[in-house]
Structure formats: structure tokens, C-alpha cells
């Protein structure tokens, strides 16, 4: 009996470790409120936020579009089918902090949390 308990504990620990080490992707929408959306994922490699988004898109886990402005960089206009409208835009946060750089200039390291919130523009 003790062997089975020890085995069960080992399985739970190993499964928990595997879960923690997985890359994660979360998309939430508040029911009934088309203005509220959050898309969150973990950077899987060092680079820019745009690099991380392109990697997610290549895996089929994210879709986005936007425009590249010479001298300014890429501007995200739509994520997963939700386009900015009526003063609402996709606002970038990295590790919980509002980014002071654009998506093509903001650097991230593997494991950083990238969060896009659909909010009223500032």
C-alpha cells in the first residue's frame, strides 16, 4: 500500500512539474462586454514581442494583423479576430508592466509574460 501511495505522489509531482514547464496561452473575454479582452502568453525565446507573436502564429495559437510604419515599427490592429474600434486598442504589457515600446522594439526573454489587453486608448 505504501508503494502505491509513494508512486501516486511521484506521479502528481512529475505531472505538476510538466504542467509548470509548459508554455501557456490564455485568452479571456468577459461575457456580454465586447470591449473587454485579454490575450496572454509566455515568450518561448529571447527576441522582440513581434518575434514571440510570429512564433505563436506559426504554431496556430494566435492570429494578428497590423501595419508597419517606417521609422516607428509594427502597430498591432487586430488580435484573434478582434480589431481596435471606437477608441479601443490592444495595449501591450510585459510581465505586468505597461510597455513603453512598440511591439517590434520591445525586447523579451524566454519565460517573460506577454499580455495584450483590449482597452480604451490613453
PDB file of N, CA and C in Angstrom:
ATOM      1  N   UNK A   1       0.815  -1.185   0.000  1.00  0.00           N
ATOM      2  CA  UNK A   1       0.000   0.000   0.000  1.00  0.00           C
ATOM      3  C   UNK A   1       0.870   1.265   0.000  1.00  0.00           C
ATOM      4  N   UNK A   2       1.945   1.244   0.799  1.00  0.00           N
ATOM      5  CA  UNK A   2       2.831   2.397   0.872  1.00  0.00           C
ATOM      6  C   UNK A   2       3.493   2.660  -0.476  1.00  0.00           C
ATOM      7  N   UNK A   3       3.810   1.573  -1.228  1.00  0.00           N
ATOM      8  CA  UNK A   3       4.421   1.740  -2.543  1.00  0.00           C
ATOM      9  C   UNK A   3       3.466   2.475  -3.483  1.00  0.00           C
ATOM     10  N   UNK A   4       2.182   2.156  -3.416  1.00  0.00           N
ATOM     11  CA  UNK A   4       1.198   2.791  -4.292  1.00  0.00           C
ATOM     12  C   UNK A   4       1.008   4.264  -3.945  1.00  0.00           C
ATOM     13  N   UNK A   5       1.048   4.570  -2.671  1.00  0.00           N
ATOM     14  CA  UNK A   5       0.936   5.968  -2.242  1.00  0.00           C
ATOM     15  C   UNK A   5       2.161   6.743  -2.708  1.00  0.00           C
ATOM     16  N   UNK A   6       3.346   6.165  -2.523  1.00  0.00           N
ATOM     17  CA  UNK A   6       4.578   6.819  -2.971  1.00  0.00           C
ATOM     18  C   UNK A   6       4.565   6.999  -4.482  1.00  0.00           C
ATOM     19  N   UNK A   7       4.091   5.994  -5.206  1.00  0.00           N
ATOM     20  CA  UNK A   7       4.000   6.090  -6.667  1.00  0.00           C
ATOM     21  C   UNK A   7       3.018   7.190  -7.077  1.00  0.00           C
ATOM     22  N   UNK A   8       1.881   7.251  -6.402  1.00  0.00           N
ATOM     23  CA  UNK A   8       0.884   8.279  -6.709  1.00  0.00           C
ATOM     24  C   UNK A   8       1.449   9.674  -6.454  1.00  0.00           C
ATOM     25  N   UNK A   9       2.174   9.836  -5.364  1.00  0.00           N
ATOM     26  CA  UNK A   9       2.783  11.129  -5.047  1.00  0.00           C
ATOM     27  C   UNK A   9       3.816  11.489  -6.112  1.00  0.00           C
ATOM     28  N   UNK A  10       4.631  10.534  -6.531  1.00  0.00           N
ATOM     29  CA  UNK A  10       5.643  10.794  -7.564  1.00  0.00           C
ATOM     30  C   UNK A  10       4.992  11.205  -8.872  1.00  0.00           C
ATOM     31  N   UNK A  11       3.899  10.552  -9.230  1.00  0.00           N
ATOM     32  CA  UNK A  11       3.189  10.900 -10.471  1.00  0.00           C
ATOM     33  C   UNK A  11       2.642  12.315 -10.388  1.00  0.00           C
ATOM     34  N   UNK A  12       2.048  12.663  -9.258  1.00  0.00           N
ATOM     35  CA  UNK A  12       1.496  14.017  -9.093  1.00  0.00           C
ATOM     36  C   UNK A  12       2.607  15.054  -9.176  1.00  0.00           C
ATOM     37  N   UNK A  13       3.724  14.802  -8.539  1.00  0.00           N
ATOM     38  CA  UNK A  13       4.845  15.753  -8.566  1.00  0.00           C
ATOM     39  C   UNK A  13       5.382  15.902  -9.985  1.00  0.00           C
ATOM     40  N   UNK A  14       5.593  14.792 -10.671  1.00  0.00           N
ATOM     41  CA  UNK A  14       6.104  14.860 -12.037  1.00  0.00           C
ATOM     42  C   UNK A  14       5.106  15.538 -12.973  1.00  0.00           C
ATOM     43  N   UNK A  15       3.841  15.233 -12.829  1.00  0.00           N
ATOM     44  CA  UNK A  15       2.818  15.870 -13.679  1.00  0.00           C
ATOM     45  C   UNK A  15       2.755  17.359 -13.400  1.00  0.00           C
ATOM     46  N   UNK A  16       2.858  17.730 -12.127  1.00  0.00           N
ATOM     47  CA  UNK A  16       2.839  19.153 -11.775  1.00  0.00           C
ATOM     48  C   UNK A  16       4.026  19.879 -12.365  1.00  0.00           C
ATOM     49  N   UNK A  17       5.201  19.264 -12.327  1.00  0.00           N
ATOM     50  CA  UNK A  17       6.389  19.871 -12.920  1.00  0.00           C
ATOM     51  C   UNK A  17       6.255  20.022 -14.411  1.00  0.00           C
ATOM     52  N   UNK A  18       5.668  19.036 -15.059  1.00  0.00           N
ATOM     53  CA  UNK A  18       5.459  19.131 -16.512  1.00  0.00           C
ATOM     54  C   UNK A  18       4.487  20.247 -16.828  1.00  0.00           C
ATOM     55  N   UNK A  19       3.446  20.407 -16.010  1.00  0.00           N
ATOM     56  CA  UNK A  19       2.467  21.462 -16.246  1.00  0.00           C
ATOM     57  C   UNK A  19       3.110  22.836 -16.092  1.00  0.00           C
ATOM     58  N   UNK A  20       3.911  23.014 -15.061  1.00  0.00           N
ATOM     59  CA  UNK A  20       4.542  24.305 -14.814  1.00  0.00           C
ATOM     60  C   UNK A  20       5.507  24.661 -15.928  1.00  0.00           C
ATOM     61  N   UNK A  21       6.192  23.687 -16.507  1.00  0.00           N
ATOM     62  CA  UNK A  21       7.193  23.990 -17.516  1.00  0.00           C
ATOM     63  C   UNK A  21       6.591  24.213 -18.906  1.00  0.00           C
ATOM     64  N   UNK A  22       5.317  23.906 -19.093  1.00  0.00           N
ATOM     65  CA  UNK A  22       4.685  24.085 -20.397  1.00  0.00           C
ATOM     66  C   UNK A  22       4.509  25.567 -20.713  1.00  0.00           C
ATOM     67  N   UNK A  23       4.603  25.892 -21.997  1.00  0.00           N
ATOM     68  CA  UNK A  23       4.264  27.242 -22.438  1.00  0.00           C
ATOM     69  C   UNK A  23       2.761  27.377 -22.290  1.00  0.00           C
ATOM     70  N   UNK A  24       2.272  28.535 -21.930  1.00  0.00           N
ATOM     71  CA  UNK A  24       0.839  28.658 -21.761  1.00  0.00           C
ATOM     72  C   UNK A  24       0.307  29.833 -22.542  1.00  0.00           C
ATOM     73  N   UNK A  25      -0.955  29.711 -22.850  1.00  0.00           N
ATOM     74  CA  UNK A  25      -1.643  30.719 -23.649  1.00  0.00           C
ATOM     75  C   UNK A  25      -3.040  30.859 -23.091  1.00  0.00           C
ATOM     76  N   UNK A  26      -3.432  32.054 -22.757  1.00  0.00           N
ATOM     77  CA  UNK A  26      -4.744  32.295 -22.180  1.00  0.00           C
ATOM     78  C   UNK A  26      -5.413  33.410 -22.953  1.00  0.00           C
ATOM     79  N   UNK A  27      -6.662  33.206 -23.278  1.00  0.00           N
ATOM     80  CA  UNK A  27      -7.449  34.251 -23.917  1.00  0.00           C
ATOM     81  C   UNK A  27      -8.752  34.342 -23.151  1.00  0.00           C
ATOM     82  N   UNK A  28      -9.074  35.514 -22.645  1.00  0.00           N
ATOM     83  CA  UNK A  28     -10.310  35.674 -21.885  1.00  0.00           C
ATOM     84  C   UNK A  28     -11.128  36.809 -22.455  1.00  0.00           C
ATOM     85  N   UNK A  29     -12.410  36.608 -22.430  1.00  0.00           N
ATOM     86  CA  UNK A  29     -13.369  37.644 -22.807  1.00  0.00           C
ATOM     87  C   UNK A  29     -14.443  37.665 -21.738  1.00  0.00           C
ATOM     88  N   UNK A  30     -14.785  38.825 -21.257  1.00  0.00           N
ATOM     89  CA  UNK A  30     -15.833  38.944 -20.263  1.00  0.00           C
ATOM     90  C   UNK A  30     -17.179  38.852 -20.979  1.00  0.00           C
ATOM     91  N   UNK A  31     -17.999  37.945 -20.554  1.00  0.00           N
ATOM     92  CA  UNK A  31     -19.291  37.706 -21.201  1.00  0.00           C
ATOM     93  C   UNK A  31     -20.115  38.985 -21.250  1.00  0.00           C
ATOM     94  N   UNK A  32     -20.658  39.274 -22.408  1.00  0.00           N
ATOM     95  CA  UNK A  32     -21.537  40.420 -22.569  1.00  0.00           C
ATOM     96  C   UNK A  32     -20.830  41.745 -22.752  1.00  0.00           C
ATOM     97  N   UNK A  33     -19.531  41.777 -22.677  1.00  0.00           N
ATOM     98  CA  UNK A  33     -18.802  43.037 -22.819  1.00  0.00           C
ATOM     99  C   UNK A  33     -17.799  42.900 -23.960  1.00  0.00           C
ATOM    100  N   UNK A  34     -18.160  43.396 -25.127  1.00  0.00           N
ATOM    101  CA  UNK A  34     -17.294  43.258 -26.298  1.00  0.00           C
ATOM    102  C   UNK A  34     -16.042  44.123 -26.191  1.00  0.00           C
ATOM    103  N   UNK A  35     -16.011  45.018 -25.205  1.00  0.00           N
ATOM    104  CA  UNK A  35     -14.862  45.900 -25.067  1.00  0.00           C
ATOM    105  C   UNK A  35     -13.755  45.299 -24.213  1.00  0.00           C
ATOM    106  N   UNK A  36     -14.002  44.176 -23.569  1.00  0.00           N
ATOM    107  CA  UNK A  36     -13.023  43.604 -22.658  1.00  0.00           C
ATOM    108  C   UNK A  36     -12.431  42.328 -23.233  1.00  0.00           C
ATOM    109  N   UNK A  37     -11.138  42.296 -23.376  1.00  0.00           N
ATOM    110  CA  UNK A  37     -10.461  41.083 -23.834  1.00  0.00           C
ATOM    111  C   UNK A  37      -9.022  41.128 -23.357  1.00  0.00           C
ATOM    112  N   UNK A  38      -8.482  39.963 -23.070  1.00  0.00           N
ATOM    113  CA  UNK A  38      -7.086  39.831 -22.688  1.00  0.00           C
ATOM    114  C   UNK A  38      -6.515  38.605 -23.382  1.00  0.00           C
ATOM    115  N   UNK A  39      -5.337  38.754 -23.963  1.00  0.00           N
ATOM    116  CA  UNK A  39      -4.619  37.642 -24.570  1.00  0.00           C
ATOM    117  C   UNK A  39      -3.253  37.604 -23.899  1.00  0.00           C
ATOM    118  N   UNK A  40      -2.924  36.458 -23.279  1.00  0.00           N
ATOM    119  CA  UNK A  40      -1.694  36.325 -22.512  1.00  0.00           C
ATOM    120  C   UNK A  40      -0.953  35.065 -22.936  1.00  0.00           C
ATOM    121  N   UNK A  41       0.360  35.178 -23.089  1.00  0.00           N
ATOM    122  CA  UNK A  41       1.180  34.011 -23.401  1.00  0.00           C
ATOM    123  C   UNK A  41       2.608  34.247 -22.932  1.00  0.00           C
ATOM    124  N   UNK A  42       3.371  33.176 -22.894  1.00  0.00           N
ATOM    125  CA  UNK A  42       4.755  33.222 -22.438  1.00  0.00           C
ATOM    126  C   UNK A  42       5.696  33.222 -23.636  1.00  0.00           C
ATOM    127  N   UNK A  43       6.686  34.101 -23.601  1.00  0.00           N
ATOM    128  CA  UNK A  43       7.699  34.114 -24.658  1.00  0.00           C
ATOM    129  C   UNK A  43       8.504  32.823 -24.571  1.00  0.00           C
ATOM    130  N   UNK A  44       8.696  32.171 -25.711  1.00  0.00           N
ATOM    131  CA  UNK A  44       9.427  30.902 -25.712  1.00  0.00           C
ATOM    132  C   UNK A  44      10.906  31.073 -26.064  1.00  0.00           C
ATOM    133  N   UNK A  45      11.295  32.290 -26.454  1.00  0.00           N
ATOM    134  CA  UNK A  45      12.693  32.557 -26.803  1.00  0.00           C
ATOM    135  C   UNK A  45      12.975  34.048 -26.614  1.00  0.00           C
ATOM    136  N   UNK A  46      14.250  34.400 -26.546  1.00  0.00           N
ATOM    137  CA  UNK A  46      14.632  35.807 -26.485  1.00  0.00           C
ATOM    138  C   UNK A  46      14.367  36.454 -27.835  1.00  0.00           C
ATOM    139  N   UNK A  47      13.991  37.722 -27.831  1.00  0.00           N
ATOM    140  CA  UNK A  47      13.740  38.467 -29.068  1.00  0.00           C
ATOM    141  C   UNK A  47      12.805  39.621 -28.782  1.00  0.00           C
ATOM    142  N   UNK A  48      12.014  39.993 -29.767  1.00  0.00           N
ATOM    143  CA  UNK A  48      11.030  41.054 -29.583  1.00  0.00           C
ATOM    144  C   UNK A  48       9.656  40.437 -29.347  1.00  0.00           C
ATOM    145  N   UNK A  49       8.734  41.250 -28.906  1.00  0.00           N
ATOM    146  CA  UNK A  49       7.359  40.778 -28.749  1.00  0.00           C
ATOM    147  C   UNK A  49       6.821  40.326 -30.104  1.00  0.00           C
ATOM    148  N   UNK A  50       7.171  41.050 -31.160  1.00  0.00           N
ATOM    149  CA  UNK A  50       6.726  40.665 -32.500  1.00  0.00           C
ATOM    150  C   UNK A  50       7.268  39.281 -32.873  1.00  0.00           C
ATOM    151  N   UNK A  51       8.510  38.991 -32.521  1.00  0.00           N
ATOM    152  CA  UNK A  51       9.070  37.658 -32.760  1.00  0.00           C
ATOM    153  C   UNK A  51       8.245  36.594 -32.026  1.00  0.00           C
ATOM    154  N   UNK A  52       7.913  36.862 -30.766  1.00  0.00           N
ATOM    155  CA  UNK A  52       7.135  35.911 -29.966  1.00  0.00           C
ATOM    156  C   UNK A  52       5.744  35.716 -30.564  1.00  0.00           C
ATOM    157  N   UNK A  53       5.144  36.795 -31.044  1.00  0.00           N
ATOM    158  CA  UNK A  53       3.819  36.695 -31.655  1.00  0.00           C
ATOM    159  C   UNK A  53       3.876  35.908 -32.957  1.00  0.00           C
ATOM    160  N   UNK A  54       4.901  36.154 -33.755  1.00  0.00           N
ATOM    161  CA  UNK A  54       5.057  35.397 -35.003  1.00  0.00           C
ATOM    162  C   UNK A  54       5.258  33.909 -34.719  1.00  0.00           C
ATOM    163  N   UNK A  55       5.993  33.574 -33.656  1.00  0.00           N
ATOM    164  CA  UNK A  55       6.189  32.168 -33.287  1.00  0.00           C
ATOM    165  C   UNK A  55       4.858  31.534 -32.896  1.00  0.00           C
ATOM    166  N   UNK A  56       4.050  32.237 -32.114  1.00  0.00           N
ATOM    167  CA  UNK A  56       2.725  31.718 -31.717  1.00  0.00           C
ATOM    168  C   UNK A  56       1.821  31.565 -32.928  1.00  0.00           C
ATOM    169  N   UNK A  57       1.886  32.526 -33.830  1.00  0.00           N
ATOM    170  CA  UNK A  57       1.059  32.458 -35.039  1.00  0.00           C
ATOM    171  C   UNK A  57       1.470  31.261 -35.897  1.00  0.00           C
ATOM    172  N   UNK A  58       2.771  30.985 -35.990  1.00  0.00           N
ATOM    173  CA  UNK A  58       3.249  29.845 -36.773  1.00  0.00           C
ATOM    174  C   UNK A  58       2.767  28.524 -36.185  1.00  0.00           C
ATOM    175  N   UNK A  59       2.548  28.505 -34.868  1.00  0.00           N
ATOM    176  CA  UNK A  59       2.046  27.303 -34.190  1.00  0.00           C
ATOM    177  C   UNK A  59       0.522  27.218 -34.246  1.00  0.00           C
ATOM    178  N   UNK A  60      -0.130  28.236 -34.813  1.00  0.00           N
ATOM    179  CA  UNK A  60      -1.586  28.249 -34.897  1.00  0.00           C
ATOM    180  C   UNK A  60      -2.277  28.632 -33.601  1.00  0.00           C
ATOM    181  N   UNK A  61      -1.540  29.217 -32.651  1.00  0.00           N
ATOM    182  CA  UNK A  61      -2.101  29.572 -31.354  1.00  0.00           C
ATOM    183  C   UNK A  61      -2.517  31.039 -31.255  1.00  0.00           C
ATOM    184  N   UNK A  62      -2.246  31.812 -32.295  1.00  0.00           N
ATOM    185  CA  UNK A  62      -2.519  33.243 -32.251  1.00  0.00           C
ATOM    186  C   UNK A  62      -2.664  33.744 -33.673  1.00  0.00           C
ATOM    187  N   UNK A  63      -3.602  34.649 -33.865  1.00  0.00           N
ATOM    188  CA  UNK A  63      -3.660  35.350 -35.147  1.00  0.00           C
ATOM    189  C   UNK A  63      -3.652  36.843 -34.844  1.00  0.00           C
ATOM    190  N   UNK A  64      -2.979  37.592 -35.693  1.00  0.00           N
ATOM    191  CA  UNK A  64      -2.938  39.035 -35.502  1.00  0.00           C
ATOM    192  C   UNK A  64      -2.627  39.697 -36.835  1.00  0.00           C
ATOM    193  N   UNK A  65      -2.958  40.964 -36.901  1.00  0.00           N
ATOM    194  CA  UNK A  65      -2.614  41.744 -38.084  1.00  0.00           C
ATOM    195  C   UNK A  65      -2.346  43.171 -37.646  1.00  0.00           C
ATOM    196  N   UNK A  66      -1.731  43.908 -38.534  1.00  0.00           N
ATOM    197  CA  UNK A  66      -1.406  45.291 -38.241  1.00  0.00           C
ATOM    198  C   UNK A  66      -0.677  45.903 -39.415  1.00  0.00           C
ATOM    199  N   UNK A  67      -0.048  47.030 -39.152  1.00  0.00           N
ATOM    200  CA  UNK A  67       0.686  47.728 -40.210  1.00  0.00           C
ATOM    201  C   UNK A  67       2.069  48.103 -39.712  1.00  0.00           C
ATOM    202  N   UNK A  68       3.001  48.090 -40.647  1.00  0.00           N
ATOM    203  CA  UNK A  68       4.364  48.506 -40.354  1.00  0.00           C
ATOM    204  C   UNK A  68       4.517  49.960 -40.783  1.00  0.00           C
ATOM    205  N   UNK A  69       4.911  50.797 -39.857  1.00  0.00           N
ATOM    206  CA  UNK A  69       5.124  52.208 -40.140  1.00  0.00           C
ATOM    207  C   UNK A  69       6.625  52.470 -40.176  1.00  0.00           C
ATOM    208  N   UNK A  70       7.164  52.900 -41.330  1.00  0.00           N
ATOM    209  CA  UNK A  70       8.605  53.157 -41.438  1.00  0.00           C
ATOM    210  C   UNK A  70       9.075  54.117 -40.346  1.00  0.00           C
ATOM    211  N   UNK A  71      10.136  53.736 -39.683  1.00  0.00           N
ATOM    212  CA  UNK A  71      10.707  54.561 -38.625  1.00  0.00           C
ATOM    213  C   UNK A  71      10.040  54.369 -37.271  1.00  0.00           C
ATOM    214  N   UNK A  72       8.844  53.799 -37.237  1.00  0.00           N
ATOM    215  CA  UNK A  72       8.135  53.595 -35.972  1.00  0.00           C
ATOM    216  C   UNK A  72       8.014  52.128 -35.604  1.00  0.00           C
ATOM    217  N   UNK A  73       7.826  51.272 -36.589  1.00  0.00           N
ATOM    218  CA  UNK A  73       7.692  49.845 -36.338  1.00  0.00           C
ATOM    219  C   UNK A  73       6.296  49.338 -36.607  1.00  0.00           C
ATOM    220  N   UNK A  74       6.022  48.134 -36.155  1.00  0.00           N
ATOM    221  CA  UNK A  74       4.763  47.444 -36.412  1.00  0.00           C
ATOM    222  C   UNK A  74       3.714  47.859 -35.389  1.00  0.00           C
ATOM    223  N   UNK A  75       2.511  48.146 -35.848  1.00  0.00           N
ATOM    224  CA  UNK A  75       1.386  48.518 -34.989  1.00  0.00           C
ATOM    225  C   UNK A  75       0.331  47.424 -35.079  1.00  0.00           C
ATOM    226  N   UNK A  76       0.026  46.776 -33.956  1.00  0.00           N
ATOM    227  CA  UNK A  76      -0.967  45.705 -33.918  1.00  0.00           C
ATOM    228  C   UNK A  76      -2.365  46.328 -33.937  1.00  0.00           C
ATOM    229  N   UNK A  77      -3.160  45.935 -34.925  1.00  0.00           N
ATOM    230  CA  UNK A  77      -4.527  46.441 -35.059  1.00  0.00           C
ATOM    231  C   UNK A  77      -5.586  45.412 -34.683  1.00  0.00           C
ATOM    232  N   UNK A  78      -5.240  44.126 -34.798  1.00  0.00           N
ATOM    233  CA  UNK A  78      -6.225  43.067 -34.557  1.00  0.00           C
ATOM    234  C   UNK A  78      -5.537  41.852 -33.965  1.00  0.00           C
ATOM    235  N   UNK A  79      -6.168  41.248 -32.966  1.00  0.00           N
ATOM    236  CA  UNK A  79      -5.677  40.003 -32.375  1.00  0.00           C
ATOM    237  C   UNK A  79      -6.853  39.041 -32.286  1.00  0.00           C
ATOM    238  N   UNK A  80      -6.648  37.841 -32.813  1.00  0.00           N
ATOM    239  CA  UNK A  80      -7.661  36.778 -32.777  1.00  0.00           C
ATOM    240  C   UNK A  80      -9.044  37.259 -33.205  1.00  0.00           C
ATOM    241  N   UNK A  81      -9.064  38.051 -34.267  1.00  0.00           N
ATOM    242  CA  UNK A  81     -10.324  38.494 -34.840  1.00  0.00           C
ATOM    243  C   UNK A  81     -10.911  39.752 -34.228  1.00  0.00           C
ATOM    244  N   UNK A  82     -10.309  40.268 -33.174  1.00  0.00           N
ATOM    245  CA  UNK A  82     -10.825  41.478 -32.537  1.00  0.00           C
ATOM    246  C   UNK A  82      -9.970  42.665 -32.959  1.00  0.00           C
ATOM    247  N   UNK A  83     -10.602  43.583 -33.710  1.00  0.00           N
ATOM    248  CA  UNK A  83      -9.936  44.764 -34.243  1.00  0.00           C
ATOM    249  C   UNK A  83     -10.236  45.966 -33.348  1.00  0.00           C
ATOM    250  N   UNK A  84      -9.245  46.844 -33.214  1.00  0.00           N
ATOM    251  CA  UNK A  84      -9.460  48.076 -32.470  1.00  0.00           C
ATOM    252  C   UNK A  84     -10.571  48.903 -33.104  1.00  0.00           C
ATOM    253  N   UNK A  85     -11.459  49.440 -32.265  1.00  0.00           N
ATOM    254  CA  UNK A  85     -12.576  50.247 -32.767  1.00  0.00           C
ATOM    255  C   UNK A  85     -13.117  51.117 -31.641  1.00  0.00           C
ATOM    256  N   UNK A  86     -13.734  52.229 -32.011  1.00  0.00           N
ATOM    257  CA  UNK A  86     -14.396  53.121 -31.055  1.00  0.00           C
ATOM    258  C   UNK A  86     -13.486  53.550 -29.907  1.00  0.00           C
ATOM    259  N   UNK A  87     -12.222  53.807 -30.211  1.00  0.00           N
ATOM    260  CA  UNK A  87     -11.283  54.265 -29.190  1.00  0.00           C
ATOM    261  C   UNK A  87     -10.645  53.156 -28.380  1.00  0.00           C
ATOM    262  N   UNK A  88     -10.956  51.908 -28.684  1.00  0.00           N
ATOM    263  CA  UNK A  88     -10.357  50.767 -28.003  1.00  0.00           C
ATOM    264  C   UNK A  88      -9.214  50.225 -28.855  1.00  0.00           C
ATOM    265  N   UNK A  89      -8.126  49.873 -28.175  1.00  0.00           N
ATOM    266  CA  UNK A  89      -6.935  49.375 -28.847  1.00  0.00           C
ATOM    267  C   UNK A  89      -6.362  48.224 -28.035  1.00  0.00           C
ATOM    268  N   UNK A  90      -5.467  47.487 -28.648  1.00  0.00           N
ATOM    269  CA  UNK A  90      -4.722  46.450 -27.942  1.00  0.00           C
ATOM    270  C   UNK A  90      -3.528  47.113 -27.261  1.00  0.00           C
ATOM    271  N   UNK A  91      -3.472  47.016 -25.943  1.00  0.00           N
ATOM    272  CA  UNK A  91      -2.434  47.646 -25.125  1.00  0.00           C
ATOM    273  C   UNK A  91      -1.489  46.548 -24.624  1.00  0.00           C
ATOM    274  N   UNK A  92      -0.186  46.750 -24.824  1.00  0.00           N
ATOM    275  CA  UNK A  92       0.830  45.746 -24.501  1.00  0.00           C
ATOM    276  C   UNK A  92       1.378  45.915 -23.090  1.00  0.00           C
ATOM    277  N   UNK A  93       1.442  44.784 -22.386  1.00  0.00           N
ATOM    278  CA  UNK A  93       2.104  44.720 -21.086  1.00  0.00           C
ATOM    279  C   UNK A  93       3.095  43.551 -21.127  1.00  0.00           C
ATOM    280  N   UNK A  94       4.232  43.744 -20.495  1.00  0.00           N
ATOM    281  CA  UNK A  94       5.241  42.695 -20.395  1.00  0.00           C
ATOM    282  C   UNK A  94       5.521  42.483 -18.912  1.00  0.00           C
ATOM    283  N   UNK A  95       5.330  41.258 -18.466  1.00  0.00           N
ATOM    284  CA  UNK A  95       5.488  40.925 -17.041  1.00  0.00           C
ATOM    285  C   UNK A  95       4.669  41.858 -16.156  1.00  0.00           C
ATOM    286  N   UNK A  96       3.469  42.193 -16.615  1.00  0.00           N
ATOM    287  CA  UNK A  96       2.544  43.013 -15.837  1.00  0.00           C
ATOM    288  C   UNK A  96       2.744  44.509 -15.952  1.00  0.00           C
ATOM    289  N   UNK A  97       3.812  44.936 -16.604  1.00  0.00           N
ATOM    290  CA  UNK A  97       4.121  46.362 -16.726  1.00  0.00           C
ATOM    291  C   UNK A  97       3.741  46.879 -18.109  1.00  0.00           C
ATOM    292  N   UNK A  98       3.125  48.048 -18.148  1.00  0.00           N
ATOM    293  CA  UNK A  98       2.788  48.686 -19.409  1.00  0.00           C
ATOM    294  C   UNK A  98       4.068  48.933 -20.201  1.00  0.00           C
ATOM    295  N   UNK A  99       4.095  48.480 -21.453  1.00  0.00           N
ATOM    296  CA  UNK A  99       5.298  48.635 -22.270  1.00  0.00           C
ATOM    297  C   UNK A  99       5.421  50.079 -22.757  1.00  0.00           C
ATOM    298  N   UNK A 100       6.627  50.610 -22.693  1.00  0.00           N
ATOM    299  CA  UNK A 100       6.877  51.951 -23.217  1.00  0.00           C
ATOM    300  C   UNK A 100       7.460  51.883 -24.622  1.00  0.00           C
ATOM    301  N   UNK A 101       7.478  50.677 -25.199  1.00  0.00           N
ATOM    302  CA  UNK A 101       7.984  50.465 -26.551  1.00  0.00           C
ATOM    303  C   UNK A 101       6.933  49.737 -27.375  1.00  0.00           C
ATOM    304  N   UNK A 102       7.092  49.854 -28.669  1.00  0.00           N
ATOM    305  CA  UNK A 102       6.195  49.161 -29.578  1.00  0.00           C
ATOM    306  C   UNK A 102       6.545  47.692 -29.694  1.00  0.00           C
ATOM    307  N   UNK A 103       5.647  46.955 -30.309  1.00  0.00           N
ATOM    308  CA  UNK A 103       5.768  45.503 -30.416  1.00  0.00           C
ATOM    309  C   UNK A 103       7.051  45.066 -31.131  1.00  0.00           C
ATOM    310  N   UNK A 104       7.516  45.837 -32.086  1.00  0.00           N
ATOM    311  CA  UNK A 104       8.722  45.446 -32.819  1.00  0.00           C
ATOM    312  C   UNK A 104      10.007  45.937 -32.148  1.00  0.00           C
ATOM    313  N   UNK A 105       9.907  46.762 -31.124  1.00  0.00           N
ATOM    314  CA  UNK A 105      11.087  47.221 -30.391  1.00  0.00           C
ATOM    315  C   UNK A 105      11.167  46.663 -28.974  1.00  0.00           C
ATOM    316  N   UNK A 106      10.055  46.231 -28.420  1.00  0.00           N
ATOM    317  CA  UNK A 106      10.037  45.733 -27.040  1.00  0.00           C
ATOM    318  C   UNK A 106      10.715  44.372 -26.967  1.00  0.00           C
ATOM    319  N   UNK A 107      11.760  44.282 -26.169  1.00  0.00           N
ATOM    320  CA  UNK A 107      12.511  43.033 -26.021  1.00  0.00           C
ATOM    321  C   UNK A 107      11.913  42.168 -24.917  1.00  0.00           C
ATOM    322  N   UNK A 108      11.940  40.858 -25.149  1.00  0.00           N
ATOM    323  CA  UNK A 108      11.521  39.901 -24.133  1.00  0.00           C
ATOM    324  C   UNK A 108      12.550  38.785 -24.058  1.00  0.00           C
ATOM    325  N   UNK A 109      12.572  38.131 -22.909  1.00  0.00           N
ATOM    326  CA  UNK A 109      13.412  36.960 -22.715  1.00  0.00           C
ATOM    327  C   UNK A 109      12.512  35.744 -22.572  1.00  0.00           C
ATOM    328  N   UNK A 110      13.052  34.593 -22.846  1.00  0.00           N
ATOM    329  CA  UNK A 110      12.292  33.362 -22.693  1.00  0.00           C
ATOM    330  C   UNK A 110      11.696  33.308 -21.287  1.00  0.00           C
ATOM    331  N   UNK A 111      10.396  33.058 -21.211  1.00  0.00           N
ATOM    332  CA  UNK A 111       9.709  32.995 -19.924  1.00  0.00           C
ATOM    333  C   UNK A 111       8.974  34.269 -19.555  1.00  0.00           C
ATOM    334  N   UNK A 112       9.254  35.386 -20.242  1.00  0.00           N
ATOM    335  CA  UNK A 112       8.525  36.621 -19.961  1.00  0.00           C
ATOM    336  C   UNK A 112       7.055  36.451 -20.337  1.00  0.00           C
ATOM    337  N   UNK A 113       6.192  37.120 -19.589  1.00  0.00           N
ATOM    338  CA  UNK A 113       4.755  37.057 -19.832  1.00  0.00           C
ATOM    339  C   UNK A 113       4.352  38.252 -20.698  1.00  0.00           C
ATOM    340  N   UNK A 114       3.784  37.942 -21.850  1.00  0.00           N
ATOM    341  CA  UNK A 114       3.298  38.970 -22.773  1.00  0.00           C
ATOM    342  C   UNK A 114       1.781  39.011 -22.642  1.00  0.00           C
ATOM    343  N   UNK A 115       1.268  40.191 -22.384  1.00  0.00           N
ATOM    344  CA  UNK A 115      -0.178  40.342 -22.204  1.00  0.00           C
ATOM    345  C   UNK A 115      -0.682  41.489 -23.076  1.00  0.00           C
ATOM    346  N   UNK A 116      -1.717  41.212 -23.817  1.00  0.00           N
ATOM    347  CA  UNK A 116      -2.406  42.224 -24.604  1.00  0.00           C
ATOM    348  C   UNK A 116      -3.781  42.431 -23.990  1.00  0.00           C
ATOM    349  N   UNK A 117      -4.113  43.679 -23.674  1.00  0.00           N
ATOM    350  CA  UNK A 117      -5.439  43.998 -23.136  1.00  0.00           C
ATOM    351  C   UNK A 117      -6.148  44.934 -24.110  1.00  0.00           C
ATOM    352  N   UNK A 118      -7.377  44.615 -24.391  1.00  0.00           N
ATOM    353  CA  UNK A 118      -8.208  45.433 -25.271  1.00  0.00           C
ATOM    354  C   UNK A 118      -8.846  46.496 -24.385  1.00  0.00           C
ATOM    355  N   UNK A 119      -8.344  47.741 -24.502  1.00  0.00           N
ATOM    356  CA  UNK A 119      -8.757  48.807 -23.585  1.00  0.00           C
ATOM    357  C   UNK A 119      -8.986  50.111 -24.327  1.00  0.00           C
ATOM    358  N   UNK A 120      -9.644  51.007 -23.658  1.00  0.00           N
ATOM    359  CA  UNK A 120      -9.821  52.368 -24.166  1.00  0.00           C
ATOM    360  C   UNK A 120      -8.446  52.996 -24.256  1.00  0.00           C
ATOM    361  N   UNK A 121      -8.138  53.598 -25.417  1.00  0.00           N
ATOM    362  CA  UNK A 121      -6.826  54.210 -25.637  1.00  0.00           C
ATOM    363  C   UNK A 121      -6.535  55.313 -24.651  1.00  0.00           C
ATOM    364  N   UNK A 122      -5.255  55.535 -24.427  1.00  0.00           N
ATOM    365  CA  UNK A 122      -4.820  56.543 -23.452  1.00  0.00           C
ATOM    366  C   UNK A 122      -4.689  57.892 -24.093  1.00  0.00           C
TER     367      UNK A 122
END
